[in-house]
Amino acid sequence: MKTYFAVVSKDHDSAYGLWFPDVEGCFSAADREEDIMSNAIEALLLHLEDEEHPHARQVHEVASDPAVAQELASGTYLIAVPLVTAKNRSVRVNLSLDKGIVDAIDAAARMRGLSRPGFLAEAAQNEIRGR
């Protein structure tokens, strides 16, 4: 899984804006701080769909980029955004979990009309996306 860094900024009278120094033309916004990560992940996925993924620099490389350094000096900050792509290929995994957790997972999956693997995959995606 690649991780790209996004520059996040906010003026007092605007939404949070973000852009990716390593992904030209990729940007997003969020009205609420808690929506920044999910909006950033979605923007990254949509922008790179069917495209070659550019090189993802390390945080120190991004922070020392003159354009980014200037932004950081004025109060913006960096966030690490995971690029989670669907491979459209199932992989079998074997997990050992507490019986009580498995029962709770199964109950929650049934309530949502999902299988256990479907529920676990959705829960993992939500956790990765910070939801």
C-alpha atoms as a PDB file:
ATOM      1  CA  MET A   1       0.000   0.000   0.000  1.00  0.00           C
ATOM      2  CA  LYS A   2       1.395   3.364  -0.998  1.00  0.00           C
ATOM      3  CA  THR A   3       1.021   6.425   1.188  1.00  0.00           C
ATOM      4  CA  TYR A   4       0.909   9.921  -0.258  1.00  0.00           C
ATOM      5  CA  PHE A   5       1.200  13.098   1.778  1.00  0.00           C
ATOM      6  CA  ALA A   6      -1.352  15.863   1.415  1.00  0.00           C
ATOM      7  CA  VAL A   7      -0.932  19.505   2.379  1.00  0.00           C
ATOM      8  CA  VAL A   8      -3.956  20.697   4.385  1.00  0.00           C
ATOM      9  CA  SER A   9      -4.825  24.331   4.911  1.00  0.00           C
ATOM     10  CA  LYS A  10      -7.769  26.338   6.185  1.00  0.00           C
ATOM     11  CA  ASP A  11      -8.535  30.023   6.201  1.00  0.00           C
ATOM     12  CA  HIS A  12     -10.858  31.207   8.965  1.00  0.00           C
ATOM     13  CA  ASP A  13     -13.761  31.689   6.533  1.00  0.00           C
ATOM     14  CA  SER A  14     -13.329  28.661   4.285  1.00  0.00           C
ATOM     15  CA  ALA A  15     -13.403  24.890   4.121  1.00  0.00           C
ATOM     16  CA  TYR A  16     -10.292  22.784   4.642  1.00  0.00           C
ATOM     17  CA  GLY A  17      -8.422  22.516   1.369  1.00  0.00           C
ATOM     18  CA  LEU A  18      -5.849  19.909   0.493  1.00  0.00           C
ATOM     19  CA  TRP A  19      -3.529  19.012  -2.357  1.00  0.00           C
ATOM     20  CA  PHE A  20      -1.001  16.292  -3.053  1.00  0.00           C
ATOM     21  CA  PRO A  21       2.524  17.445  -3.938  1.00  0.00           C
ATOM     22  CA  ASP A  22       3.305  14.054  -5.531  1.00  0.00           C
ATOM     23  CA  VAL A  23       0.036  13.744  -7.474  1.00  0.00           C
ATOM     24  CA  GLU A  24      -0.256  16.641  -9.862  1.00  0.00           C
ATOM     25  CA  GLY A  25      -3.765  18.046 -10.144  1.00  0.00           C
ATOM     26  CA  CYS A  26      -5.192  16.066  -7.222  1.00  0.00           C
ATOM     27  CA  PHE A  27      -6.954  18.159  -4.618  1.00  0.00           C
ATOM     28  CA  SER A  28      -9.984  18.060  -2.364  1.00  0.00           C
ATOM     29  CA  ALA A  29     -11.818  19.964   0.347  1.00  0.00           C
ATOM     30  CA  ALA A  30     -13.819  19.243   3.479  1.00  0.00           C
ATOM     31  CA  ASP A  31     -16.158  21.401   5.505  1.00  0.00           C
ATOM     32  CA  ARG A  32     -15.412  19.485   8.701  1.00  0.00           C
ATOM     33  CA  GLU A  33     -12.015  18.437  10.013  1.00  0.00           C
ATOM     34  CA  GLU A  34     -13.224  14.876  10.603  1.00  0.00           C
ATOM     35  CA  ASP A  35     -14.008  14.545   6.873  1.00  0.00           C
ATOM     36  CA  ILE A  36     -10.534  15.488   5.645  1.00  0.00           C
ATOM     37  CA  MET A  37      -9.115  11.948   5.548  1.00  0.00           C
ATOM     38  CA  SER A  38     -12.079  10.261   3.854  1.00  0.00           C
ATOM     39  CA  ASN A  39     -12.300  13.068   1.271  1.00  0.00           C
ATOM     40  CA  ALA A  40      -8.545  12.859   0.650  1.00  0.00           C
ATOM     41  CA  ILE A  41      -8.677   9.074   0.149  1.00  0.00           C
ATOM     42  CA  GLU A  42     -11.608   9.416  -2.241  1.00  0.00           C
ATOM     43  CA  ALA A  43      -9.903  12.182  -4.243  1.00  0.00           C
ATOM     44  CA  LEU A  44      -6.695  10.161  -4.497  1.00  0.00           C
ATOM     45  CA  LEU A  45      -8.533   7.015  -5.630  1.00  0.00           C
ATOM     46  CA  LEU A  46     -10.576   8.866  -8.239  1.00  0.00           C
ATOM     47  CA  HIS A  47      -7.609  10.841  -9.546  1.00  0.00           C
ATOM     48  CA  LEU A  48      -5.375   7.786  -9.918  1.00  0.00           C
ATOM     49  CA  GLU A  49      -8.063   5.462 -11.277  1.00  0.00           C
ATOM     50  CA  ASP A  50      -6.683   3.770 -14.398  1.00  0.00           C
ATOM     51  CA  GLU A  51      -3.538   5.918 -14.133  1.00  0.00           C
ATOM     52  CA  GLU A  52       0.038   4.982 -13.365  1.00  0.00           C
ATOM     53  CA  HIS A  53       0.720   5.759  -9.725  1.00  0.00           C
ATOM     54  CA  PRO A  54       3.409   8.415  -9.320  1.00  0.00           C
ATOM     55  CA  HIS A  55       6.329   7.971  -6.949  1.00  0.00           C
ATOM     56  CA  ALA A  56       5.317   8.647  -3.341  1.00  0.00           C
ATOM     57  CA  ARG A  57       8.063  10.525  -1.484  1.00  0.00           C
ATOM     58  CA  GLN A  58       8.879  10.107   2.188  1.00  0.00           C
ATOM     59  CA  VAL A  59       7.550  12.752   4.584  1.00  0.00           C
ATOM     60  CA  HIS A  60      10.956  14.467   4.979  1.00  0.00           C
ATOM     61  CA  GLU A  61      11.270  14.735   1.192  1.00  0.00           C
ATOM     62  CA  VAL A  62       7.810  16.254   0.861  1.00  0.00           C
ATOM     63  CA  ALA A  63       8.340  18.657   3.770  1.00  0.00           C
ATOM     64  CA  SER A  64      11.630  19.904   2.309  1.00  0.00           C
ATOM     65  CA  ASP A  65      10.065  20.592  -1.110  1.00  0.00           C
ATOM     66  CA  PRO A  66      10.262  24.419  -1.427  1.00  0.00           C
ATOM     67  CA  ALA A  67       6.572  24.817  -2.339  1.00  0.00           C
ATOM     68  CA  VAL A  68       5.493  22.628   0.568  1.00  0.00           C
ATOM     69  CA  ALA A  69       7.965  24.170   3.034  1.00  0.00           C
ATOM     70  CA  GLN A  70       6.563  27.619   2.269  1.00  0.00           C
ATOM     71  CA  GLU A  71       3.023  26.350   2.942  1.00  0.00           C
ATOM     72  CA  LEU A  72       4.080  24.632   6.164  1.00  0.00           C
ATOM     73  CA  ALA A  73       5.715  27.835   7.382  1.00  0.00           C
ATOM     74  CA  SER A  74       2.367  29.611   7.028  1.00  0.00           C
ATOM     75  CA  GLY A  75       0.451  27.169   9.232  1.00  0.00           C
ATOM     76  CA  THR A  76      -0.599  24.308   6.973  1.00  0.00           C
ATOM     77  CA  TYR A  77       0.107  20.702   7.900  1.00  0.00           C
ATOM     78  CA  LEU A  78       0.720  17.338   6.262  1.00  0.00           C
ATOM     79  CA  ILE A  79      -1.388  14.209   6.525  1.00  0.00           C
ATOM     80  CA  ALA A  80      -0.478  10.710   5.355  1.00  0.00           C
ATOM     81  CA  VAL A  81      -3.135   9.372   2.985  1.00  0.00           C
ATOM     82  CA  PRO A  82      -3.162   5.650   2.194  1.00  0.00           C
ATOM     83  CA  LEU A  83      -3.929   4.601  -1.363  1.00  0.00           C
ATOM     84  CA  VAL A  84      -6.133   1.546  -0.929  1.00  0.00           C
ATOM     85  CA  THR A  85      -6.917   0.128  -4.338  1.00  0.00           C
ATOM     86  CA  ALA A  86      -9.272  -2.707  -5.106  1.00  0.00           C
ATOM     87  CA  LYS A  87      -7.457  -5.610  -6.718  1.00  0.00           C
ATOM     88  CA  ASN A  88     -10.711  -7.390  -7.688  1.00  0.00           C
ATOM     89  CA  ARG A  89      -9.166 -10.592  -6.457  1.00  0.00           C
ATOM     90  CA  SER A  90     -10.069 -12.488  -3.316  1.00  0.00           C
ATOM     91  CA  VAL A  91      -7.400 -13.828  -1.010  1.00  0.00           C
ATOM     92  CA  ARG A  92      -8.159 -16.416   1.645  1.00  0.00           C
ATOM     93  CA  VAL A  93      -7.007 -15.536   5.166  1.00  0.00           C
ATOM     94  CA  ASN A  94      -7.204 -17.458   8.405  1.00  0.00           C
ATOM     95  CA  LEU A  95      -7.938 -15.408  11.537  1.00  0.00           C
ATOM     96  CA  SER A  96      -8.187 -16.464  15.163  1.00  0.00           C
ATOM     97  CA  LEU A  97     -10.496 -14.228  17.184  1.00  0.00           C
ATOM     98  CA  ASP A  98     -12.240 -14.412  20.524  1.00  0.00           C
ATOM     99  CA  LYS A  99     -15.602 -16.222  20.246  1.00  0.00           C
ATOM    100  CA  GLY A 100     -17.459 -13.224  21.698  1.00  0.00           C
ATOM    101  CA  ILE A 101     -15.963 -10.934  19.026  1.00  0.00           C
ATOM    102  CA  VAL A 102     -16.893 -13.405  16.277  1.00  0.00           C
ATOM    103  CA  ASP A 103     -20.474 -13.573  17.580  1.00  0.00           C
ATOM    104  CA  ALA A 104     -20.660  -9.754  17.641  1.00  0.00           C
ATOM    105  CA  ILE A 105     -19.215  -9.550  14.115  1.00  0.00           C
ATOM    106  CA  ASP A 106     -21.734 -12.090  12.844  1.00  0.00           C
ATOM    107  CA  ALA A 107     -24.655 -10.249  14.488  1.00  0.00           C
ATOM    108  CA  ALA A 108     -23.538  -6.896  13.075  1.00  0.00           C
ATOM    109  CA  ALA A 109     -23.006  -8.451   9.627  1.00  0.00           C
ATOM    110  CA  ARG A 110     -26.523  -9.968   9.655  1.00  0.00           C
ATOM    111  CA  MET A 111     -28.037  -6.600  10.633  1.00  0.00           C
ATOM    112  CA  ARG A 112     -26.343  -5.036   7.599  1.00  0.00           C
ATOM    113  CA  GLY A 113     -27.100  -7.887   5.221  1.00  0.00           C
ATOM    114  CA  LEU A 114     -23.409  -8.721   4.851  1.00  0.00           C
ATOM    115  CA  SER A 115     -21.353 -11.869   5.095  1.00  0.00           C
ATOM    116  CA  ARG A 116     -18.660 -12.107   7.759  1.00  0.00           C
ATOM    117  CA  PRO A 117     -15.877 -11.445   5.205  1.00  0.00           C
ATOM    118  CA  GLY A 118     -17.867  -8.569   3.700  1.00  0.00           C
ATOM    119  CA  PHE A 119     -18.387  -7.022   7.109  1.00  0.00           C
ATOM    120  CA  LEU A 120     -14.716  -7.393   8.072  1.00  0.00           C
ATOM    121  CA  ALA A 121     -13.588  -5.895   4.761  1.00  0.00           C
ATOM    122  CA  GLU A 122     -15.939  -2.933   5.199  1.00  0.00           C
ATOM    123  CA  ALA A 123     -14.848  -2.442   8.811  1.00  0.00           C
ATOM    124  CA  ALA A 124     -11.189  -2.511   7.769  1.00  0.00           C
ATOM    125  CA  GLN A 125     -11.811   0.021   4.994  1.00  0.00           C
ATOM    126  CA  ASN A 126     -13.613   2.308   7.441  1.00  0.00           C
ATOM    127  CA  GLU A 127     -10.771   2.058   9.943  1.00  0.00           C
ATOM    128  CA  ILE A 128      -8.140   2.778   7.291  1.00  0.00           C
ATOM    129  CA  ARG A 129     -10.147   5.751   6.057  1.00  0.00           C
ATOM    130  CA  GLY A 130     -10.604   7.070   9.580  1.00  0.00           C
ATOM    131  CA  ARG A 131     -14.394   6.784   9.637  1.00  0.00           C
END
